[in-house]
Amino acid sequence: MTHFKKLAVIAVLTPLFAACSNAPPESTVKGLIEAQYEQANTMVNDAVANAGNDEMAKAMSGMMEGMMPKLEKVENINCDTTEGKNTYICTADITQAIAGNSRTNKTNFKVYQVNDEWVLGN
């Protein structure tokens, strides 16, 4: 095959392969991770608010609040299909602070598409 024909085949097939890839966009995955951290923080904040005047409950709530990870950034998101057309295994570098100490870990997780909506899995 001539060089020109190879280029033509590549030019025709590239959009086709791109159209077949329905992996979630990076912004969607990042939003799912951020929402999970927000939900955990809301639960801790609710526990602190519900502690009332009980000194022991206040102390425990304060300790929980200090130990909760705080999301700093999500980078290098990559998703590949697995176990079916609407399931993706993803990796991301997630930087979080716990008790004032910042740490970045490469994390694996699944993302599913259910009823045209993306959800985070384990």
C-alpha atoms as a PDB file:
ATOM      1  CA  MET A   1       0.000   0.000   0.000  1.00  0.00           C
ATOM      2  CA  THR A   2       1.353   3.400  -0.840  1.00  0.00           C
ATOM      3  CA  HIS A   3       2.049   5.998   1.777  1.00  0.00           C
ATOM      4  CA  PHE A   4      -0.888   8.098   0.580  1.00  0.00           C
ATOM      5  CA  LYS A   5      -3.353   5.173   0.858  1.00  0.00           C
ATOM      6  CA  LYS A   6      -2.168   4.407   4.403  1.00  0.00           C
ATOM      7  CA  LEU A   7      -2.751   8.011   5.420  1.00  0.00           C
ATOM      8  CA  ALA A   8      -6.202   7.949   3.825  1.00  0.00           C
ATOM      9  CA  VAL A   9      -7.160   4.785   5.740  1.00  0.00           C
ATOM     10  CA  ILE A  10      -5.901   6.293   8.996  1.00  0.00           C
ATOM     11  CA  ALA A  11      -7.814   9.526   8.322  1.00  0.00           C
ATOM     12  CA  VAL A  12     -11.044   7.587   7.721  1.00  0.00           C
ATOM     13  CA  LEU A  13     -10.697   5.194  10.679  1.00  0.00           C
ATOM     14  CA  THR A  14      -9.562   7.695  13.332  1.00  0.00           C
ATOM     15  CA  PRO A  15     -12.977   9.418  13.727  1.00  0.00           C
ATOM     16  CA  LEU A  16     -14.664   6.014  13.737  1.00  0.00           C
ATOM     17  CA  PHE A  17     -12.536   4.797  16.670  1.00  0.00           C
ATOM     18  CA  ALA A  18     -13.014   8.100  18.489  1.00  0.00           C
ATOM     19  CA  ALA A  19     -16.797   7.827  18.072  1.00  0.00           C
ATOM     20  CA  CYS A  20     -16.754   4.314  19.573  1.00  0.00           C
ATOM     21  CA  SER A  21     -15.000   5.534  22.718  1.00  0.00           C
ATOM     22  CA  ASN A  22     -17.701   6.560  25.180  1.00  0.00           C
ATOM     23  CA  ALA A  23     -15.477   6.862  28.234  1.00  0.00           C
ATOM     24  CA  PRO A  24     -16.569   9.563  30.670  1.00  0.00           C
ATOM     25  CA  PRO A  25     -14.951  12.958  30.147  1.00  0.00           C
ATOM     26  CA  GLU A  26     -12.209  13.954  32.597  1.00  0.00           C
ATOM     27  CA  SER A  27     -14.354  16.805  33.910  1.00  0.00           C
ATOM     28  CA  THR A  28     -17.169  14.367  34.738  1.00  0.00           C
ATOM     29  CA  VAL A  29     -14.844  11.973  36.589  1.00  0.00           C
ATOM     30  CA  LYS A  30     -13.285  14.860  38.500  1.00  0.00           C
ATOM     31  CA  GLY A  31     -16.774  16.105  39.432  1.00  0.00           C
ATOM     32  CA  LEU A  32     -17.753  12.629  40.714  1.00  0.00           C
ATOM     33  CA  ILE A  33     -14.657  12.486  42.933  1.00  0.00           C
ATOM     34  CA  GLU A  34     -15.245  16.017  44.235  1.00  0.00           C
ATOM     35  CA  ALA A  35     -18.885  15.155  44.986  1.00  0.00           C
ATOM     36  CA  GLN A  36     -17.812  12.116  47.018  1.00  0.00           C
ATOM     37  CA  TYR A  37     -15.499  14.263  49.176  1.00  0.00           C
ATOM     38  CA  GLU A  38     -18.235  16.901  49.574  1.00  0.00           C
ATOM     39  CA  GLN A  39     -20.706  14.240  50.710  1.00  0.00           C
ATOM     40  CA  ALA A  40     -18.272  12.925  53.330  1.00  0.00           C
ATOM     41  CA  ASN A  41     -17.550  16.460  54.563  1.00  0.00           C
ATOM     42  CA  THR A  42     -21.282  17.203  54.787  1.00  0.00           C
ATOM     43  CA  MET A  43     -21.792  14.100  56.927  1.00  0.00           C
ATOM     44  CA  VAL A  44     -19.019  15.175  59.314  1.00  0.00           C
ATOM     45  CA  ASN A  45     -20.305  18.753  59.451  1.00  0.00           C
ATOM     46  CA  ASP A  46     -23.790  17.433  60.258  1.00  0.00           C
ATOM     47  CA  ALA A  47     -22.358  15.283  63.054  1.00  0.00           C
ATOM     48  CA  VAL A  48     -20.522  18.295  64.500  1.00  0.00           C
ATOM     49  CA  ALA A  49     -23.683  20.420  64.295  1.00  0.00           C
ATOM     50  CA  ASN A  50     -25.742  17.683  65.983  1.00  0.00           C
ATOM     51  CA  ALA A  51     -23.272  17.296  68.842  1.00  0.00           C
ATOM     52  CA  GLY A  52     -25.170  19.941  70.761  1.00  0.00           C
ATOM     53  CA  ASN A  53     -23.837  20.762  74.233  1.00  0.00           C
ATOM     54  CA  ASP A  54     -22.526  17.285  75.065  1.00  0.00           C
ATOM     55  CA  GLU A  55     -18.790  17.808  75.654  1.00  0.00           C
ATOM     56  CA  MET A  56     -17.863  14.226  74.740  1.00  0.00           C
ATOM     57  CA  ALA A  57     -19.836  14.404  71.489  1.00  0.00           C
ATOM     58  CA  LYS A  58     -18.206  17.736  70.654  1.00  0.00           C
ATOM     59  CA  ALA A  59     -14.742  16.297  71.275  1.00  0.00           C
ATOM     60  CA  MET A  60     -15.420  13.229  69.130  1.00  0.00           C
ATOM     61  CA  SER A  61     -16.938  15.339  66.349  1.00  0.00           C
ATOM     62  CA  GLY A  62     -13.959  17.689  66.411  1.00  0.00           C
ATOM     63  CA  MET A  63     -11.565  14.760  66.209  1.00  0.00           C
ATOM     64  CA  MET A  64     -13.502  13.292  63.266  1.00  0.00           C
ATOM     65  CA  GLU A  65     -13.444  16.644  61.510  1.00  0.00           C
ATOM     66  CA  GLY A  66      -9.655  16.905  61.873  1.00  0.00           C
ATOM     67  CA  MET A  67      -9.109  13.398  60.509  1.00  0.00           C
ATOM     68  CA  MET A  68     -11.321  13.777  57.432  1.00  0.00           C
ATOM     69  CA  PRO A  69      -9.355  13.977  54.191  1.00  0.00           C
ATOM     70  CA  LYS A  70      -9.640  17.262  52.327  1.00  0.00           C
ATOM     71  CA  LEU A  71      -9.408  17.013  48.547  1.00  0.00           C
ATOM     72  CA  GLU A  72      -6.725  19.267  47.107  1.00  0.00           C
ATOM     73  CA  LYS A  73      -6.567  18.213  43.442  1.00  0.00           C
ATOM     74  CA  VAL A  74      -7.354  15.461  40.946  1.00  0.00           C
ATOM     75  CA  GLU A  75      -4.980  14.980  38.017  1.00  0.00           C
ATOM     76  CA  ASN A  76      -3.969  12.514  35.293  1.00  0.00           C
ATOM     77  CA  ILE A  77      -7.394  10.914  34.889  1.00  0.00           C
ATOM     78  CA  ASN A  78      -7.447   7.932  32.545  1.00  0.00           C
ATOM     79  CA  CYS A  79     -10.404   5.588  31.916  1.00  0.00           C
ATOM     80  CA  ASP A  80     -10.474   2.322  29.972  1.00  0.00           C
ATOM     81  CA  THR A  81     -13.454   0.108  29.228  1.00  0.00           C
ATOM     82  CA  THR A  82     -13.904  -3.054  31.293  1.00  0.00           C
ATOM     83  CA  GLU A  83     -16.641  -5.607  32.024  1.00  0.00           C
ATOM     84  CA  GLY A  84     -19.064  -4.270  29.431  1.00  0.00           C
ATOM     85  CA  LYS A  85     -19.782  -1.201  27.399  1.00  0.00           C
ATOM     86  CA  ASN A  86     -20.943   1.075  30.242  1.00  0.00           C
ATOM     87  CA  THR A  87     -18.270   0.217  32.818  1.00  0.00           C
ATOM     88  CA  TYR A  88     -14.850   1.848  32.971  1.00  0.00           C
ATOM     89  CA  ILE A  89     -11.853   1.313  35.205  1.00  0.00           C
ATOM     90  CA  CYS A  90     -10.224   4.652  35.867  1.00  0.00           C
ATOM     91  CA  THR A  91      -7.048   5.879  37.503  1.00  0.00           C
ATOM     92  CA  ALA A  92      -6.270   9.327  38.839  1.00  0.00           C
ATOM     93  CA  ASP A  93      -3.640  11.035  40.933  1.00  0.00           C
ATOM     94  CA  ILE A  94      -5.598  12.299  43.932  1.00  0.00           C
ATOM     95  CA  THR A  95      -3.976  14.749  46.312  1.00  0.00           C
ATOM     96  CA  GLN A  96      -5.596  15.078  49.710  1.00  0.00           C
ATOM     97  CA  ALA A  97      -4.665  16.546  53.070  1.00  0.00           C
ATOM     98  CA  ILE A  98      -5.287  14.651  56.300  1.00  0.00           C
ATOM     99  CA  ALA A  99      -4.582  16.441  59.573  1.00  0.00           C
ATOM    100  CA  GLY A 100      -2.584  19.039  57.650  1.00  0.00           C
ATOM    101  CA  ASN A 101      -0.383  16.522  55.809  1.00  0.00           C
ATOM    102  CA  SER A 102      -0.690  16.503  52.022  1.00  0.00           C
ATOM    103  CA  ARG A 103      -0.241  13.299  50.038  1.00  0.00           C
ATOM    104  CA  THR A 104      -0.792  12.195  46.418  1.00  0.00           C
ATOM    105  CA  ASN A 105      -1.835   8.633  45.569  1.00  0.00           C
ATOM    106  CA  LYS A 106      -2.614   6.964  42.257  1.00  0.00           C
ATOM    107  CA  THR A 107      -6.105   5.592  42.810  1.00  0.00           C
ATOM    108  CA  ASN A 108      -8.102   2.975  40.883  1.00  0.00           C
ATOM    109  CA  PHE A 109     -11.891   3.083  40.765  1.00  0.00           C
ATOM    110  CA  LYS A 110     -14.797   2.203  38.509  1.00  0.00           C
ATOM    111  CA  VAL A 111     -17.163   4.568  36.777  1.00  0.00           C
ATOM    112  CA  TYR A 112     -20.511   3.306  35.476  1.00  0.00           C
ATOM    113  CA  GLN A 113     -23.034   4.832  33.142  1.00  0.00           C
ATOM    114  CA  VAL A 114     -26.548   4.179  34.409  1.00  0.00           C
ATOM    115  CA  ASN A 115     -29.550   5.722  32.634  1.00  0.00           C
ATOM    116  CA  ASP A 116     -27.270   8.190  30.797  1.00  0.00           C
ATOM    117  CA  GLU A 117     -25.747   9.330  34.091  1.00  0.00           C
ATOM    118  CA  TRP A 118     -22.221   8.663  35.342  1.00  0.00           C
ATOM    119  CA  VAL A 119     -21.759   7.199  38.831  1.00  0.00           C
ATOM    120  CA  LEU A 120     -18.658   6.374  40.856  1.00  0.00           C
ATOM    121  CA  GLY A 121     -18.087   2.788  41.993  1.00  0.00           C
ATOM    122  CA  ASN A 122     -15.435   0.807  43.857  1.00  0.00           C
END
